[in-house]
Amino acid sequence: MNKDITIVIPSYKSKKLILKHVKNISKRIQIIIIENSRDKSLKDAINKKYKNVKVTLEKNIGYGNAINKAANLVKTKYFFVINPDTKIYSSTLNLLLRNCKKIKKFGAISPNHILNKKKKYDRIIVEKEELTGGAMLFETKIFKKIKGFDKNIFLYYEDNDYFTKCKNNDYKLYIIMNSFHDHKKKSKGSAFFKNENERNYAYYLTGWHGQWSKFYYHKKYFGYVIALQRCLPNFFTNLLQLLINVFINQKKAKYIYFKIEGLLASIMGFSSYKRSKFD
């Protein structure tokens, strides 16, 4: 088993994509999957074929908390987080590991999102202010030292929070330019839903948590007043959009209503409690 790196995959109803990932990863690498939908069929399918993969079933603890949970199980010096709908290549991990060992300390490292293997780069290791969250390498010791992702955030802004935390603790972020990953911006996501009602409710929840997390993040780092200044203009715009769409587009109106409710919940200091009624 590889002693340098563990792969961590946070998942929510992503069985098909997870099985595809596992199939394409070397069996010499330990893989930890945190499945947030308690999909026992995924765990059974993995256990039958893969000794290098550990599946932990959870009742939707969120993206960041899933990674935190996995990090506590990691025994290697590094771990690499990859989303179920993100693609990596045969050389991605080797190039990440080779180059990360040249850096004294770091908060996180990502492979390049621009796939151009023929291009020659002036610099292979490039410092960045932020990274694409779908594929990131962490040093386990440092990740735990700064307490990983904020446990209060269920969805959205967990990456922003982590990057800000790294900056405040003088841990820099880097991209390895000759190592690649692919995550399509127009991807429909990794979750597979049983019916349209479940899909729609998940869509509404993205609005709720997007607004909740936005206010929480800005309040945490810039204060309550600044958070209000940055979030209230969108709140009033959403109120107007709600009044218009309640008559012409019920689905959009409900999504906007969830956004308003999520922001108000965050302003009033409530936790990020909203979950799918289908979970």
C-alpha atoms as a PDB file:
ATOM      1  CA  MET A   1       0.000   0.000   0.000  1.00  0.00           C
ATOM      2  CA  ASN A   2       1.225   3.512  -0.853  1.00  0.00           C
ATOM      3  CA  LYS A   3       2.618   5.094   2.328  1.00  0.00           C
ATOM      4  CA  ASP A   4       2.556   8.676   1.061  1.00  0.00           C
ATOM      5  CA  ILE A   5      -1.016   9.357   0.033  1.00  0.00           C
ATOM      6  CA  THR A   6      -4.652   8.459   0.680  1.00  0.00           C
ATOM      7  CA  ILE A   7      -7.518   9.423  -1.612  1.00  0.00           C
ATOM      8  CA  VAL A   8     -10.629  10.885   0.016  1.00  0.00           C
ATOM      9  CA  ILE A   9     -13.947  11.038  -1.844  1.00  0.00           C
ATOM     10  CA  PRO A  10     -16.864  12.892  -0.214  1.00  0.00           C
ATOM     11  CA  SER A  11     -20.061  11.579  -1.782  1.00  0.00           C
ATOM     12  CA  TYR A  12     -23.808  12.133  -1.783  1.00  0.00           C
ATOM     13  CA  LYS A  13     -25.914   9.682  -3.803  1.00  0.00           C
ATOM     14  CA  SER A  14     -23.045   9.237  -6.266  1.00  0.00           C
ATOM     15  CA  LYS A  15     -22.735   5.463  -6.470  1.00  0.00           C
ATOM     16  CA  LYS A  16     -22.220   5.227 -10.251  1.00  0.00           C
ATOM     17  CA  LEU A  17     -19.471   7.834 -10.312  1.00  0.00           C
ATOM     18  CA  ILE A  18     -17.796   6.438  -7.197  1.00  0.00           C
ATOM     19  CA  LEU A  19     -17.564   2.940  -8.675  1.00  0.00           C
ATOM     20  CA  LYS A  20     -16.038   4.397 -11.833  1.00  0.00           C
ATOM     21  CA  HIS A  21     -13.444   6.314  -9.800  1.00  0.00           C
ATOM     22  CA  VAL A  22     -12.461   3.317  -7.701  1.00  0.00           C
ATOM     23  CA  LYS A  23     -12.077   1.142 -10.778  1.00  0.00           C
ATOM     24  CA  ASN A  24      -9.561   3.574 -12.295  1.00  0.00           C
ATOM     25  CA  ILE A  25      -7.407   4.113  -9.196  1.00  0.00           C
ATOM     26  CA  SER A  26      -4.474   1.883  -8.312  1.00  0.00           C
ATOM     27  CA  LYS A  27      -5.291  -0.752  -5.718  1.00  0.00           C
ATOM     28  CA  ARG A  28      -2.026   0.173  -3.989  1.00  0.00           C
ATOM     29  CA  ILE A  29      -3.606   3.445  -2.824  1.00  0.00           C
ATOM     30  CA  GLN A  30      -5.882   3.578   0.205  1.00  0.00           C
ATOM     31  CA  ILE A  31      -9.258   5.202  -0.581  1.00  0.00           C
ATOM     32  CA  ILE A  32     -11.689   6.573   1.999  1.00  0.00           C
ATOM     33  CA  ILE A  33     -15.252   7.316   0.897  1.00  0.00           C
ATOM     34  CA  ILE A  34     -17.640   9.240   3.117  1.00  0.00           C
ATOM     35  CA  GLU A  35     -21.117   8.533   1.716  1.00  0.00           C
ATOM     36  CA  ASN A  36     -23.584  11.122   2.995  1.00  0.00           C
ATOM     37  CA  SER A  37     -26.731   9.267   1.968  1.00  0.00           C
ATOM     38  CA  ARG A  38     -26.203   6.046   3.948  1.00  0.00           C
ATOM     39  CA  ASP A  39     -26.255   4.092   0.674  1.00  0.00           C
ATOM     40  CA  LYS A  40     -25.597   0.582   1.953  1.00  0.00           C
ATOM     41  CA  SER A  41     -25.608  -0.808  -1.605  1.00  0.00           C
ATOM     42  CA  LEU A  42     -22.506   1.279  -2.375  1.00  0.00           C
ATOM     43  CA  LYS A  43     -20.695  -0.068   0.667  1.00  0.00           C
ATOM     44  CA  ASP A  44     -21.661  -3.655  -0.199  1.00  0.00           C
ATOM     45  CA  ALA A  45     -20.505  -3.238  -3.820  1.00  0.00           C
ATOM     46  CA  ILE A  46     -17.160  -1.802  -2.700  1.00  0.00           C
ATOM     47  CA  ASN A  47     -16.533  -4.408   0.008  1.00  0.00           C
ATOM     48  CA  LYS A  48     -17.022  -7.266  -2.462  1.00  0.00           C
ATOM     49  CA  LYS A  49     -14.263  -6.077  -4.809  1.00  0.00           C
ATOM     50  CA  TYR A  50     -11.848  -3.663  -3.160  1.00  0.00           C
ATOM     51  CA  LYS A  51      -9.726  -4.278  -0.074  1.00  0.00           C
ATOM     52  CA  ASN A  52      -8.043  -0.867  -0.367  1.00  0.00           C
ATOM     53  CA  VAL A  53     -11.312   1.070  -0.013  1.00  0.00           C
ATOM     54  CA  LYS A  54     -13.079   2.009   3.213  1.00  0.00           C
ATOM     55  CA  VAL A  55     -16.673   3.288   2.998  1.00  0.00           C
ATOM     56  CA  THR A  56     -18.198   5.165   5.924  1.00  0.00           C
ATOM     57  CA  LEU A  57     -21.935   5.825   5.774  1.00  0.00           C
ATOM     58  CA  GLU A  58     -23.254   9.079   7.230  1.00  0.00           C
ATOM     59  CA  LYS A  59     -26.591  10.888   7.386  1.00  0.00           C
ATOM     60  CA  ASN A  60     -25.585  13.891   5.285  1.00  0.00           C
ATOM     61  CA  ILE A  61     -23.075  15.760   7.422  1.00  0.00           C
ATOM     62  CA  GLY A  62     -22.104  18.028   4.497  1.00  0.00           C
ATOM     63  CA  TYR A  63     -19.116  18.335   2.193  1.00  0.00           C
ATOM     64  CA  GLY A  64     -16.570  19.886   4.559  1.00  0.00           C
ATOM     65  CA  ASN A  65     -17.515  17.715   7.513  1.00  0.00           C
ATOM     66  CA  ALA A  66     -17.238  14.610   5.317  1.00  0.00           C
ATOM     67  CA  ILE A  67     -13.637  15.558   4.535  1.00  0.00           C
ATOM     68  CA  ASN A  68     -12.954  16.282   8.209  1.00  0.00           C
ATOM     69  CA  LYS A  69     -14.322  12.847   9.082  1.00  0.00           C
ATOM     70  CA  ALA A  70     -12.112  11.176   6.475  1.00  0.00           C
ATOM     71  CA  ALA A  71      -9.021  13.141   7.562  1.00  0.00           C
ATOM     72  CA  ASN A  72      -9.303  11.583  11.020  1.00  0.00           C
ATOM     73  CA  LEU A  73      -9.021   8.153   9.375  1.00  0.00           C
ATOM     74  CA  VAL A  74      -6.018   9.021   7.191  1.00  0.00           C
ATOM     75  CA  LYS A  75      -2.717   7.369   8.188  1.00  0.00           C
ATOM     76  CA  THR A  76      -0.534   8.759   5.386  1.00  0.00           C
ATOM     77  CA  LYS A  77       1.402  12.034   5.261  1.00  0.00           C
ATOM     78  CA  TYR A  78      -0.834  13.438   2.513  1.00  0.00           C
ATOM     79  CA  PHE A  79      -4.401  12.976   1.371  1.00  0.00           C
ATOM     80  CA  PHE A  80      -6.008  13.979  -1.899  1.00  0.00           C
ATOM     81  CA  VAL A  81      -9.675  15.022  -1.995  1.00  0.00           C
ATOM     82  CA  ILE A  82     -11.549  14.500  -5.228  1.00  0.00           C
ATOM     83  CA  ASN A  83     -15.213  15.090  -5.991  1.00  0.00           C
ATOM     84  CA  PRO A  84     -17.155  12.225  -7.596  1.00  0.00           C
ATOM     85  CA  ASP A  85     -17.693  14.212 -10.822  1.00  0.00           C
ATOM     86  CA  THR A  86     -14.043  15.280 -11.144  1.00  0.00           C
ATOM     87  CA  LYS A  87     -11.650  13.454 -13.466  1.00  0.00           C
ATOM     88  CA  ILE A  88      -7.940  12.929 -12.874  1.00  0.00           C
ATOM     89  CA  TYR A  89      -5.331  11.386 -15.152  1.00  0.00           C
ATOM     90  CA  SER A  90      -2.767   8.618 -14.809  1.00  0.00           C
ATOM     91  CA  SER A  91       0.077  11.033 -13.981  1.00  0.00           C
ATOM     92  CA  THR A  92      -1.911  13.467 -11.790  1.00  0.00           C
ATOM     93  CA  LEU A  93      -1.072  12.060  -8.360  1.00  0.00           C
ATOM     94  CA  ASN A  94       2.574  11.262  -9.094  1.00  0.00           C
ATOM     95  CA  LEU A  95       3.222  14.807 -10.314  1.00  0.00           C
ATOM     96  CA  LEU A  96       1.423  16.300  -7.324  1.00  0.00           C
ATOM     97  CA  LEU A  97       3.464  14.239  -4.887  1.00  0.00           C
ATOM     98  CA  ARG A  98       6.762  14.871  -6.665  1.00  0.00           C
ATOM     99  CA  ASN A  99       6.269  18.626  -6.575  1.00  0.00           C
ATOM    100  CA  CYS A 100       4.624  19.020  -3.163  1.00  0.00           C
ATOM    101  CA  LYS A 101       7.758  17.575  -1.560  1.00  0.00           C
ATOM    102  CA  LYS A 102       9.637  20.596  -2.914  1.00  0.00           C
ATOM    103  CA  ILE A 103       7.435  22.945  -0.853  1.00  0.00           C
ATOM    104  CA  LYS A 104       8.314  23.408   2.804  1.00  0.00           C
ATOM    105  CA  LYS A 105       4.718  23.921   3.972  1.00  0.00           C
ATOM    106  CA  PHE A 106       1.382  24.563   2.296  1.00  0.00           C
ATOM    107  CA  GLY A 107      -2.331  24.820   3.018  1.00  0.00           C
ATOM    108  CA  ALA A 108      -3.459  22.962  -0.091  1.00  0.00           C
ATOM    109  CA  ILE A 109      -2.289  22.124  -3.605  1.00  0.00           C
ATOM    110  CA  SER A 110      -4.405  21.534  -6.714  1.00  0.00           C
ATOM    111  CA  PRO A 111      -3.629  20.044 -10.097  1.00  0.00           C
ATOM    112  CA  ASN A 112      -4.066  22.408 -13.030  1.00  0.00           C
ATOM    113  CA  HIS A 113      -7.641  22.725 -14.313  1.00  0.00           C
ATOM    114  CA  ILE A 114      -6.511  23.687 -17.836  1.00  0.00           C
ATOM    115  CA  LEU A 115      -5.717  20.508 -19.710  1.00  0.00           C
ATOM    116  CA  ASN A 116      -2.861  21.188 -22.115  1.00  0.00           C
ATOM    117  CA  LYS A 117      -0.219  18.509 -21.783  1.00  0.00           C
ATOM    118  CA  LYS A 118       1.802  19.840 -24.725  1.00  0.00           C
ATOM    119  CA  LYS A 119       2.269  23.319 -23.276  1.00  0.00           C
ATOM    120  CA  LYS A 120       5.609  24.092 -21.651  1.00  0.00           C
ATOM    121  CA  TYR A 121       5.293  26.085 -18.440  1.00  0.00           C
ATOM    122  CA  ASP A 122       7.901  28.585 -17.212  1.00  0.00           C
ATOM    123  CA  ARG A 123       7.037  27.594 -13.646  1.00  0.00           C
ATOM    124  CA  ILE A 124       5.601  24.291 -12.511  1.00  0.00           C
ATOM    125  CA  ILE A 125       4.717  25.369  -8.950  1.00  0.00           C
ATOM    126  CA  VAL A 126       2.555  28.515  -8.950  1.00  0.00           C
ATOM    127  CA  GLU A 127       1.216  30.263  -5.844  1.00  0.00           C
ATOM    128  CA  LYS A 128      -2.504  31.147  -5.896  1.00  0.00           C
ATOM    129  CA  GLU A 129      -4.971  33.013  -3.689  1.00  0.00           C
ATOM    130  CA  GLU A 130      -7.562  30.254  -4.088  1.00  0.00           C
ATOM    131  CA  LEU A 131      -7.943  26.843  -5.736  1.00  0.00           C
ATOM    132  CA  THR A 132     -10.647  24.847  -7.482  1.00  0.00           C
ATOM    133  CA  GLY A 133     -12.200  22.785  -4.724  1.00  0.00           C
ATOM    134  CA  GLY A 134     -12.926  19.652  -6.748  1.00  0.00           C
ATOM    135  CA  ALA A 135      -9.371  18.281  -6.453  1.00  0.00           C
ATOM    136  CA  MET A 136      -7.014  19.269  -3.640  1.00  0.00           C
ATOM    137  CA  LEU A 137      -3.989  17.754  -1.919  1.00  0.00           C
ATOM    138  CA  PHE A 138      -3.457  18.338   1.815  1.00  0.00           C
ATOM    139  CA  GLU A 139      -0.688  17.529   4.236  1.00  0.00           C
ATOM    140  CA  THR A 140      -2.574  15.635   6.932  1.00  0.00           C
ATOM    141  CA  LYS A 141      -0.692  17.162   9.861  1.00  0.00           C
ATOM    142  CA  ILE A 142      -1.289  20.739   8.712  1.00  0.00           C
ATOM    143  CA  PHE A 143      -4.937  20.098   7.831  1.00  0.00           C
ATOM    144  CA  LYS A 144      -5.568  18.826  11.354  1.00  0.00           C
ATOM    145  CA  LYS A 145      -3.468  21.582  12.940  1.00  0.00           C
ATOM    146  CA  ILE A 146      -5.747  24.297  11.526  1.00  0.00           C
ATOM    147  CA  LYS A 147      -8.820  22.124  12.223  1.00  0.00           C
ATOM    148  CA  GLY A 148      -9.783  21.475   8.607  1.00  0.00           C
ATOM    149  CA  PHE A 149     -13.072  22.789   7.272  1.00  0.00           C
ATOM    150  CA  ASP A 150     -15.457  24.823   9.410  1.00  0.00           C
ATOM    151  CA  LYS A 151     -17.853  22.306  10.958  1.00  0.00           C
ATOM    152  CA  ASN A 152     -20.667  24.882  11.004  1.00  0.00           C
ATOM    153  CA  ILE A 153     -20.814  25.131   7.202  1.00  0.00           C
ATOM    154  CA  PHE A 154     -22.960  22.465   5.575  1.00  0.00           C
ATOM    155  CA  LEU A 155     -22.651  23.519   1.933  1.00  0.00           C
ATOM    156  CA  TYR A 156     -20.934  26.350  -0.001  1.00  0.00           C
ATOM    157  CA  TYR A 157     -18.157  28.695   1.110  1.00  0.00           C
ATOM    158  CA  GLU A 158     -16.322  25.864   2.876  1.00  0.00           C
ATOM    159  CA  ASP A 159     -13.442  26.280   0.415  1.00  0.00           C
ATOM    160  CA  ASN A 160     -13.436  30.076   0.817  1.00  0.00           C
ATOM    161  CA  ASP A 161     -13.332  29.646   4.570  1.00  0.00           C
ATOM    162  CA  TYR A 162     -10.478  27.153   4.403  1.00  0.00           C
ATOM    163  CA  PHE A 163      -8.432  29.343   2.042  1.00  0.00           C
ATOM    164  CA  THR A 164      -8.924  32.370   4.304  1.00  0.00           C
ATOM    165  CA  LYS A 165      -7.883  30.271   7.292  1.00  0.00           C
ATOM    166  CA  CYS A 166      -4.729  29.220   5.422  1.00  0.00           C
ATOM    167  CA  LYS A 167      -3.902  32.834   4.613  1.00  0.00           C
ATOM    168  CA  ASN A 168      -4.380  33.881   8.242  1.00  0.00           C
ATOM    169  CA  ASN A 169      -2.059  31.077   9.370  1.00  0.00           C
ATOM    170  CA  ASP A 170       0.575  31.738   6.685  1.00  0.00           C
ATOM    171  CA  TYR A 171      -0.049  28.507   4.753  1.00  0.00           C
ATOM    172  CA  LYS A 172       0.093  29.204   1.031  1.00  0.00           C
ATOM    173  CA  LEU A 173      -1.913  27.624  -1.787  1.00  0.00           C
ATOM    174  CA  TYR A 174      -0.359  26.269  -4.976  1.00  0.00           C
ATOM    175  CA  ILE A 175      -1.220  24.812  -8.370  1.00  0.00           C
ATOM    176  CA  ILE A 176       1.028  22.236 -10.026  1.00  0.00           C
ATOM    177  CA  MET A 177       0.878  23.340 -13.633  1.00  0.00           C
ATOM    178  CA  ASN A 178       1.849  20.037 -15.288  1.00  0.00           C
ATOM    179  CA  SER A 179      -0.587  17.954 -13.235  1.00  0.00           C
ATOM    180  CA  PHE A 180      -4.191  18.012 -14.426  1.00  0.00           C
ATOM    181  CA  HIS A 181      -7.801  17.462 -13.429  1.00  0.00           C
ATOM    182  CA  ASP A 182     -11.097  18.144 -15.157  1.00  0.00           C
ATOM    183  CA  HIS A 183     -14.353  19.319 -13.644  1.00  0.00           C
ATOM    184  CA  LYS A 184     -16.852  20.687 -16.150  1.00  0.00           C
ATOM    185  CA  LYS A 185     -18.518  23.924 -15.059  1.00  0.00           C
ATOM    186  CA  LYS A 186     -21.775  22.839 -16.694  1.00  0.00           C
ATOM    187  CA  SER A 187     -21.802  19.542 -14.854  1.00  0.00           C
ATOM    188  CA  LYS A 188     -25.228  18.597 -13.465  1.00  0.00           C
ATOM    189  CA  GLY A 189     -23.516  17.467 -10.290  1.00  0.00           C
ATOM    190  CA  SER A 190     -22.735  14.050  -8.957  1.00  0.00           C
ATOM    191  CA  ALA A 191     -25.948  13.120  -7.126  1.00  0.00           C
ATOM    192  CA  PHE A 192     -28.455  10.747  -8.693  1.00  0.00           C
ATOM    193  CA  PHE A 193     -32.038  11.347  -7.537  1.00  0.00           C
ATOM    194  CA  LYS A 194     -34.977   8.939  -7.542  1.00  0.00           C
ATOM    195  CA  ASN A 195     -37.504  11.389  -8.973  1.00  0.00           C
ATOM    196  CA  GLU A 196     -38.051  14.998 -10.039  1.00  0.00           C
ATOM    197  CA  ASN A 197     -39.436  16.062  -6.653  1.00  0.00           C
ATOM    198  CA  GLU A 198     -36.254  14.968  -4.916  1.00  0.00           C
ATOM    199  CA  ARG A 199     -34.119  16.707  -7.549  1.00  0.00           C
ATOM    200  CA  ASN A 200     -36.100  19.931  -7.227  1.00  0.00           C
ATOM    201  CA  TYR A 201     -35.856  19.963  -3.437  1.00  0.00           C
ATOM    202  CA  ALA A 202     -32.084  19.500  -3.656  1.00  0.00           C
ATOM    203  CA  TYR A 203     -32.037  22.477  -6.039  1.00  0.00           C
ATOM    204  CA  TYR A 204     -33.989  24.625  -3.570  1.00  0.00           C
ATOM    205  CA  LEU A 205     -31.556  23.697  -0.820  1.00  0.00           C
ATOM    206  CA  THR A 206     -28.613  25.002  -2.850  1.00  0.00           C
ATOM    207  CA  GLY A 207     -30.270  28.429  -2.691  1.00  0.00           C
ATOM    208  CA  TRP A 208     -30.844  28.188   1.053  1.00  0.00           C
ATOM    209  CA  HIS A 209     -27.309  27.109   1.927  1.00  0.00           C
ATOM    210  CA  GLY A 210     -25.679  29.428  -0.586  1.00  0.00           C
ATOM    211  CA  GLN A 211     -27.162  32.443   1.186  1.00  0.00           C
ATOM    212  CA  TRP A 212     -26.727  31.061   4.695  1.00  0.00           C
ATOM    213  CA  SER A 213     -23.048  30.334   4.110  1.00  0.00           C
ATOM    214  CA  LYS A 214     -22.375  33.628   2.355  1.00  0.00           C
ATOM    215  CA  PHE A 215     -23.534  35.667   5.338  1.00  0.00           C
ATOM    216  CA  TYR A 216     -21.874  33.331   7.853  1.00  0.00           C
ATOM    217  CA  TYR A 217     -18.519  33.517   6.050  1.00  0.00           C
ATOM    218  CA  HIS A 218     -18.517  37.306   5.778  1.00  0.00           C
ATOM    219  CA  LYS A 219     -19.661  37.736   9.390  1.00  0.00           C
ATOM    220  CA  LYS A 220     -16.927  35.369  10.594  1.00  0.00           C
ATOM    221  CA  TYR A 221     -14.070  37.225   8.904  1.00  0.00           C
ATOM    222  CA  PHE A 222     -15.328  40.797   8.408  1.00  0.00           C
ATOM    223  CA  GLY A 223     -17.985  41.346  11.069  1.00  0.00           C
ATOM    224  CA  TYR A 224     -21.759  41.547  11.219  1.00  0.00           C
ATOM    225  CA  VAL A 225     -22.117  45.006   9.642  1.00  0.00           C
ATOM    226  CA  ILE A 226     -19.923  44.223   6.636  1.00  0.00           C
ATOM    227  CA  ALA A 227     -21.782  40.933   6.148  1.00  0.00           C
ATOM    228  CA  LEU A 228     -25.084  42.835   6.065  1.00  0.00           C
ATOM    229  CA  GLN A 229     -23.677  45.339   3.574  1.00  0.00           C
ATOM    230  CA  ARG A 230     -22.566  42.546   1.260  1.00  0.00           C
ATOM    231  CA  CYS A 231     -25.721  40.425   1.518  1.00  0.00           C
ATOM    232  CA  LEU A 232     -28.685  42.799   1.865  1.00  0.00           C
ATOM    233  CA  PRO A 233     -28.602  44.195  -1.715  1.00  0.00           C
ATOM    234  CA  ASN A 234     -29.112  40.659  -3.008  1.00  0.00           C
ATOM    235  CA  PHE A 235     -31.844  40.132  -0.396  1.00  0.00           C
ATOM    236  CA  PHE A 236     -33.919  43.048  -1.711  1.00  0.00           C
ATOM    237  CA  THR A 237     -33.356  41.906  -5.288  1.00  0.00           C
ATOM    238  CA  ASN A 238     -34.597  38.456  -4.315  1.00  0.00           C
ATOM    239  CA  LEU A 239     -37.725  39.930  -2.716  1.00  0.00           C
ATOM    240  CA  LEU A 240     -38.582  41.676  -5.976  1.00  0.00           C
ATOM    241  CA  GLN A 241     -37.858  38.524  -7.995  1.00  0.00           C
ATOM    242  CA  LEU A 242     -40.063  36.509  -5.654  1.00  0.00           C
ATOM    243  CA  LEU A 243     -43.022  38.860  -6.172  1.00  0.00           C
ATOM    244  CA  ILE A 244     -42.630  38.577  -9.942  1.00  0.00           C
ATOM    245  CA  ASN A 245     -42.049  34.841 -10.198  1.00  0.00           C
ATOM    246  CA  VAL A 246     -44.781  33.754  -7.801  1.00  0.00           C
ATOM    247  CA  PHE A 247     -47.178  34.439 -10.668  1.00  0.00           C
ATOM    248  CA  ILE A 248     -45.129  33.189 -13.635  1.00  0.00           C
ATOM    249  CA  ASN A 249     -42.652  30.530 -12.459  1.00  0.00           C
ATOM    250  CA  GLN A 250     -43.472  28.579  -9.294  1.00  0.00           C
ATOM    251  CA  LYS A 251     -40.252  26.587  -9.303  1.00  0.00           C
ATOM    252  CA  LYS A 252     -38.070  29.680  -9.519  1.00  0.00           C
ATOM    253  CA  ALA A 253     -40.218  31.429  -6.916  1.00  0.00           C
ATOM    254  CA  LYS A 254     -39.698  28.575  -4.468  1.00  0.00           C
ATOM    255  CA  TYR A 255     -35.945  28.627  -5.094  1.00  0.00           C
ATOM    256  CA  ILE A 256     -35.839  32.371  -4.388  1.00  0.00           C
ATOM    257  CA  TYR A 257     -37.948  31.881  -1.263  1.00  0.00           C
ATOM    258  CA  PHE A 258     -35.399  29.343   0.002  1.00  0.00           C
ATOM    259  CA  LYS A 259     -32.592  31.845  -0.664  1.00  0.00           C
ATOM    260  CA  ILE A 260     -34.377  34.498   1.378  1.00  0.00           C
ATOM    261  CA  GLU A 261     -35.098  32.069   4.197  1.00  0.00           C
ATOM    262  CA  GLY A 262     -31.470  30.871   4.283  1.00  0.00           C
ATOM    263  CA  LEU A 263     -30.134  34.415   4.525  1.00  0.00           C
ATOM    264  CA  LEU A 264     -32.566  35.379   7.280  1.00  0.00           C
ATOM    265  CA  ALA A 265     -31.671  32.231   9.227  1.00  0.00           C
ATOM    266  CA  SER A 266     -27.984  33.152   9.048  1.00  0.00           C
ATOM    267  CA  ILE A 267     -28.605  36.795   9.999  1.00  0.00           C
ATOM    268  CA  MET A 268     -30.576  35.652  13.053  1.00  0.00           C
ATOM    269  CA  GLY A 269     -27.767  33.297  14.085  1.00  0.00           C
ATOM    270  CA  PHE A 270     -29.485  29.977  13.372  1.00  0.00           C
ATOM    271  CA  SER A 271     -27.361  26.975  12.381  1.00  0.00           C
ATOM    272  CA  SER A 272     -27.261  25.634   8.812  1.00  0.00           C
ATOM    273  CA  TYR A 273     -30.043  23.221   9.762  1.00  0.00           C
ATOM    274  CA  LYS A 274     -31.982  22.836   6.492  1.00  0.00           C
ATOM    275  CA  ARG A 275     -31.837  19.335   4.979  1.00  0.00           C
ATOM    276  CA  SER A 276     -33.616  17.419   2.269  1.00  0.00           C
ATOM    277  CA  LYS A 277     -36.879  15.822   3.353  1.00  0.00           C
ATOM    278  CA  PHE A 278     -35.909  12.898   1.122  1.00  0.00           C
ATOM    279  CA  ASP A 279     -32.796  11.982   3.131  1.00  0.00           C
END
